[in-house]
Amino acid sequence: MRQRILNGVGRSFLLALSVFRLTSVAYIGAGTGSLIIQVVLASMLGAAVVTRIYWQRIKEFFSRNKEEDSAHGE
């Protein structure tokens, strides 16, 4: 059974190698780096805003679990 799965994975890998080219002839423009930086910064700032909005709920979730554990332990 294991050999059969490995054969399937190997065949899939060989098919992927034959479909996709290993060399690239694409051109990355000058503004691409700036776009990538903007996306990374926006993602980080978005995560920070969401964390700030839901921070109280996050704290309550973890403190509630500790209170329930200590109440059951007594």
N, C-alpha and C. Protein backbone atom coordinates (compact mmCIF):
# COMPACT_ATOMS: atom_id res chain seq x y z
N MET A 1 0.83 -1.19 0.00
CA MET A 1 0.00 0.00 0.00
C MET A 1 0.87 1.25 0.00
N ARG A 2 1.91 1.24 0.86
CA ARG A 2 2.79 2.41 0.93
C ARG A 2 3.52 2.63 -0.39
N GLN A 3 3.97 1.53 -1.00
CA GLN A 3 4.67 1.63 -2.28
C GLN A 3 3.75 2.21 -3.35
N ARG A 4 2.48 1.85 -3.28
CA ARG A 4 1.51 2.34 -4.26
C ARG A 4 1.32 3.85 -4.12
N ILE A 5 1.27 4.34 -2.88
CA ILE A 5 1.13 5.77 -2.64
C ILE A 5 2.36 6.51 -3.14
N LEU A 6 3.55 5.95 -2.85
CA LEU A 6 4.78 6.59 -3.30
C LEU A 6 4.86 6.63 -4.82
N ASN A 7 4.39 5.59 -5.49
CA ASN A 7 4.38 5.60 -6.94
C ASN A 7 3.47 6.70 -7.46
N GLY A 8 2.33 6.89 -6.83
CA GLY A 8 1.40 7.95 -7.24
C GLY A 8 2.01 9.32 -7.05
N VAL A 9 2.71 9.52 -5.93
CA VAL A 9 3.37 10.80 -5.67
C VAL A 9 4.47 11.04 -6.69
N GLY A 10 5.24 10.02 -6.97
CA GLY A 10 6.31 10.14 -7.95
C GLY A 10 5.79 10.47 -9.33
N ARG A 11 4.72 9.84 -9.71
CA ARG A 11 4.12 10.14 -11.02
C ARG A 11 3.60 11.57 -11.07
N SER A 12 2.98 12.01 -9.98
CA SER A 12 2.47 13.38 -9.93
C SER A 12 3.60 14.38 -10.04
N PHE A 13 4.71 14.10 -9.36
CA PHE A 13 5.88 14.97 -9.41
C PHE A 13 6.45 15.04 -10.82
N LEU A 14 6.57 13.92 -11.47
CA LEU A 14 7.09 13.90 -12.84
C LEU A 14 6.15 14.63 -13.79
N LEU A 15 4.85 14.49 -13.60
CA LEU A 15 3.89 15.20 -14.43
C LEU A 15 4.02 16.71 -14.22
N ALA A 16 4.18 17.13 -12.97
CA ALA A 16 4.33 18.56 -12.68
C ALA A 16 5.61 19.10 -13.31
N LEU A 17 6.70 18.33 -13.27
CA LEU A 17 7.95 18.77 -13.89
C LEU A 17 7.82 18.90 -15.40
N SER A 18 7.05 18.03 -16.00
CA SER A 18 6.91 18.08 -17.45
C SER A 18 5.97 19.20 -17.89
N VAL A 19 5.05 19.60 -17.03
CA VAL A 19 4.10 20.65 -17.40
C VAL A 19 4.71 22.03 -17.20
N PHE A 20 5.40 22.24 -16.10
CA PHE A 20 5.95 23.55 -15.79
C PHE A 20 7.38 23.66 -16.29
N ARG A 21 7.69 24.84 -16.79
CA ARG A 21 9.05 25.07 -17.26
C ARG A 21 9.95 25.36 -16.08
N LEU A 22 11.17 24.89 -16.15
CA LEU A 22 12.12 25.13 -15.07
C LEU A 22 12.82 26.48 -15.22
N THR A 23 12.88 26.99 -16.43
CA THR A 23 13.48 28.30 -16.63
C THR A 23 12.38 29.33 -16.82
N SER A 24 12.64 30.52 -16.36
CA SER A 24 11.63 31.57 -16.44
C SER A 24 12.10 32.67 -17.37
N VAL A 25 11.20 33.18 -18.14
CA VAL A 25 11.51 34.29 -19.03
C VAL A 25 10.65 35.50 -18.67
N ALA A 26 10.22 35.56 -17.42
CA ALA A 26 9.35 36.64 -16.97
C ALA A 26 10.20 37.86 -16.60
N TYR A 27 9.56 39.03 -16.67
CA TYR A 27 10.20 40.28 -16.29
C TYR A 27 9.47 40.85 -15.09
N ILE A 28 10.22 41.19 -14.07
CA ILE A 28 9.63 41.81 -12.89
C ILE A 28 9.94 43.30 -12.99
N GLY A 29 8.89 44.11 -13.05
CA GLY A 29 9.05 45.55 -13.21
C GLY A 29 9.59 46.22 -11.96
N ALA A 30 9.92 47.48 -12.12
CA ALA A 30 10.52 48.25 -11.03
C ALA A 30 9.54 48.46 -9.88
N GLY A 31 8.25 48.53 -10.14
CA GLY A 31 7.27 48.78 -9.10
C GLY A 31 6.85 47.54 -8.33
N THR A 32 7.33 46.38 -8.72
CA THR A 32 6.92 45.15 -8.07
C THR A 32 7.41 45.07 -6.63
N GLY A 33 8.63 45.48 -6.38
CA GLY A 33 9.17 45.47 -5.03
C GLY A 33 8.38 46.38 -4.11
N SER A 34 8.02 47.54 -4.62
CA SER A 34 7.21 48.48 -3.84
C SER A 34 5.85 47.88 -3.52
N LEU A 35 5.25 47.21 -4.48
CA LEU A 35 3.96 46.57 -4.26
C LEU A 35 4.05 45.48 -3.20
N ILE A 36 5.10 44.69 -3.25
CA ILE A 36 5.28 43.62 -2.26
C ILE A 36 5.44 44.22 -0.87
N ILE A 37 6.23 45.29 -0.75
CA ILE A 37 6.41 45.94 0.55
C ILE A 37 5.08 46.49 1.06
N GLN A 38 4.28 47.09 0.19
CA GLN A 38 2.98 47.61 0.60
C GLN A 38 2.05 46.51 1.08
N VAL A 39 2.04 45.39 0.41
CA VAL A 39 1.18 44.27 0.81
C VAL A 39 1.61 43.73 2.17
N VAL A 40 2.91 43.58 2.39
CA VAL A 40 3.41 43.06 3.67
C VAL A 40 3.08 44.03 4.80
N LEU A 41 3.33 45.32 4.59
CA LEU A 41 3.03 46.30 5.63
C LEU A 41 1.53 46.39 5.91
N ALA A 42 0.71 46.36 4.88
CA ALA A 42 -0.74 46.41 5.07
C ALA A 42 -1.23 45.19 5.83
N SER A 43 -0.67 44.03 5.55
CA SER A 43 -1.06 42.81 6.27
C SER A 43 -0.68 42.90 7.74
N MET A 44 0.51 43.40 8.02
CA MET A 44 0.94 43.53 9.41
C MET A 44 0.09 44.55 10.16
N LEU A 45 -0.17 45.68 9.53
CA LEU A 45 -0.99 46.70 10.18
C LEU A 45 -2.43 46.22 10.35
N GLY A 46 -2.96 45.51 9.39
CA GLY A 46 -4.30 44.95 9.51
C GLY A 46 -4.40 43.97 10.66
N ALA A 47 -3.39 43.12 10.80
CA ALA A 47 -3.37 42.17 11.92
C ALA A 47 -3.28 42.92 13.25
N ALA A 48 -2.52 44.00 13.29
CA ALA A 48 -2.40 44.79 14.52
C ALA A 48 -3.74 45.44 14.88
N VAL A 49 -4.45 45.96 13.90
CA VAL A 49 -5.75 46.59 14.15
C VAL A 49 -6.76 45.56 14.64
N VAL A 50 -6.80 44.42 14.01
CA VAL A 50 -7.74 43.36 14.43
C VAL A 50 -7.42 42.91 15.84
N THR A 51 -6.13 42.76 16.16
CA THR A 51 -5.73 42.37 17.50
C THR A 51 -6.15 43.42 18.51
N ARG A 52 -5.97 44.69 18.16
CA ARG A 52 -6.35 45.78 19.07
C ARG A 52 -7.86 45.80 19.29
N ILE A 53 -8.63 45.56 18.25
CA ILE A 53 -10.09 45.58 18.38
C ILE A 53 -10.57 44.44 19.26
N TYR A 54 -10.01 43.25 19.08
CA TYR A 54 -10.48 42.08 19.80
C TYR A 54 -9.62 41.73 21.01
N TRP A 55 -8.72 42.60 21.44
CA TRP A 55 -7.80 42.31 22.53
C TRP A 55 -8.54 41.95 23.82
N GLN A 56 -9.58 42.70 24.14
CA GLN A 56 -10.32 42.44 25.38
C GLN A 56 -10.94 41.05 25.35
N ARG A 57 -11.49 40.66 24.22
CA ARG A 57 -12.08 39.31 24.10
C ARG A 57 -11.02 38.23 24.22
N ILE A 58 -9.86 38.48 23.66
CA ILE A 58 -8.76 37.51 23.74
C ILE A 58 -8.33 37.35 25.19
N LYS A 59 -8.17 38.47 25.89
CA LYS A 59 -7.79 38.39 27.31
C LYS A 59 -8.84 37.67 28.13
N GLU A 60 -10.12 37.95 27.89
CA GLU A 60 -11.19 37.29 28.62
C GLU A 60 -11.21 35.79 28.35
N PHE A 61 -10.95 35.42 27.11
CA PHE A 61 -10.95 34.00 26.75
C PHE A 61 -9.90 33.24 27.56
N PHE A 62 -8.68 33.78 27.61
CA PHE A 62 -7.63 33.07 28.31
C PHE A 62 -7.78 33.17 29.83
N SER A 63 -8.24 34.29 30.35
CA SER A 63 -8.41 34.40 31.79
C SER A 63 -9.60 33.57 32.26
N ARG A 64 -10.63 33.44 31.45
CA ARG A 64 -11.79 32.63 31.80
C ARG A 64 -11.38 31.16 31.93
N ASN A 65 -10.52 30.70 31.03
CA ASN A 65 -10.06 29.31 31.10
C ASN A 65 -9.28 29.06 32.38
N LYS A 66 -8.46 30.01 32.79
CA LYS A 66 -7.69 29.84 34.02
C LYS A 66 -8.61 29.84 35.23
N GLU A 67 -9.62 30.72 35.23
CA GLU A 67 -10.55 30.78 36.36
C GLU A 67 -11.36 29.48 36.45
N GLU A 68 -11.78 28.94 35.31
CA GLU A 68 -12.54 27.69 35.32
C GLU A 68 -11.68 26.53 35.80
N ASP A 69 -10.41 26.51 35.40
CA ASP A 69 -9.51 25.45 35.84
C ASP A 69 -9.28 25.51 37.34
N SER A 70 -9.09 26.71 37.88
CA SER A 70 -8.85 26.84 39.31
C SER A 70 -10.11 26.54 40.10
N ALA A 71 -11.30 26.85 39.56
CA ALA A 71 -12.56 26.56 40.25
C ALA A 71 -12.80 25.05 40.29
N HIS A 72 -12.45 24.34 39.25
CA HIS A 72 -12.64 22.89 39.21
C HIS A 72 -11.58 22.17 40.07
N GLY A 73 -10.44 22.79 40.25
CA GLY A 73 -9.36 22.16 40.99
C GLY A 73 -9.55 22.21 42.49
N GLU A 74 -10.39 23.11 43.01
CA GLU A 74 -10.56 23.25 44.46
C GLU A 74 -11.46 22.22 45.03
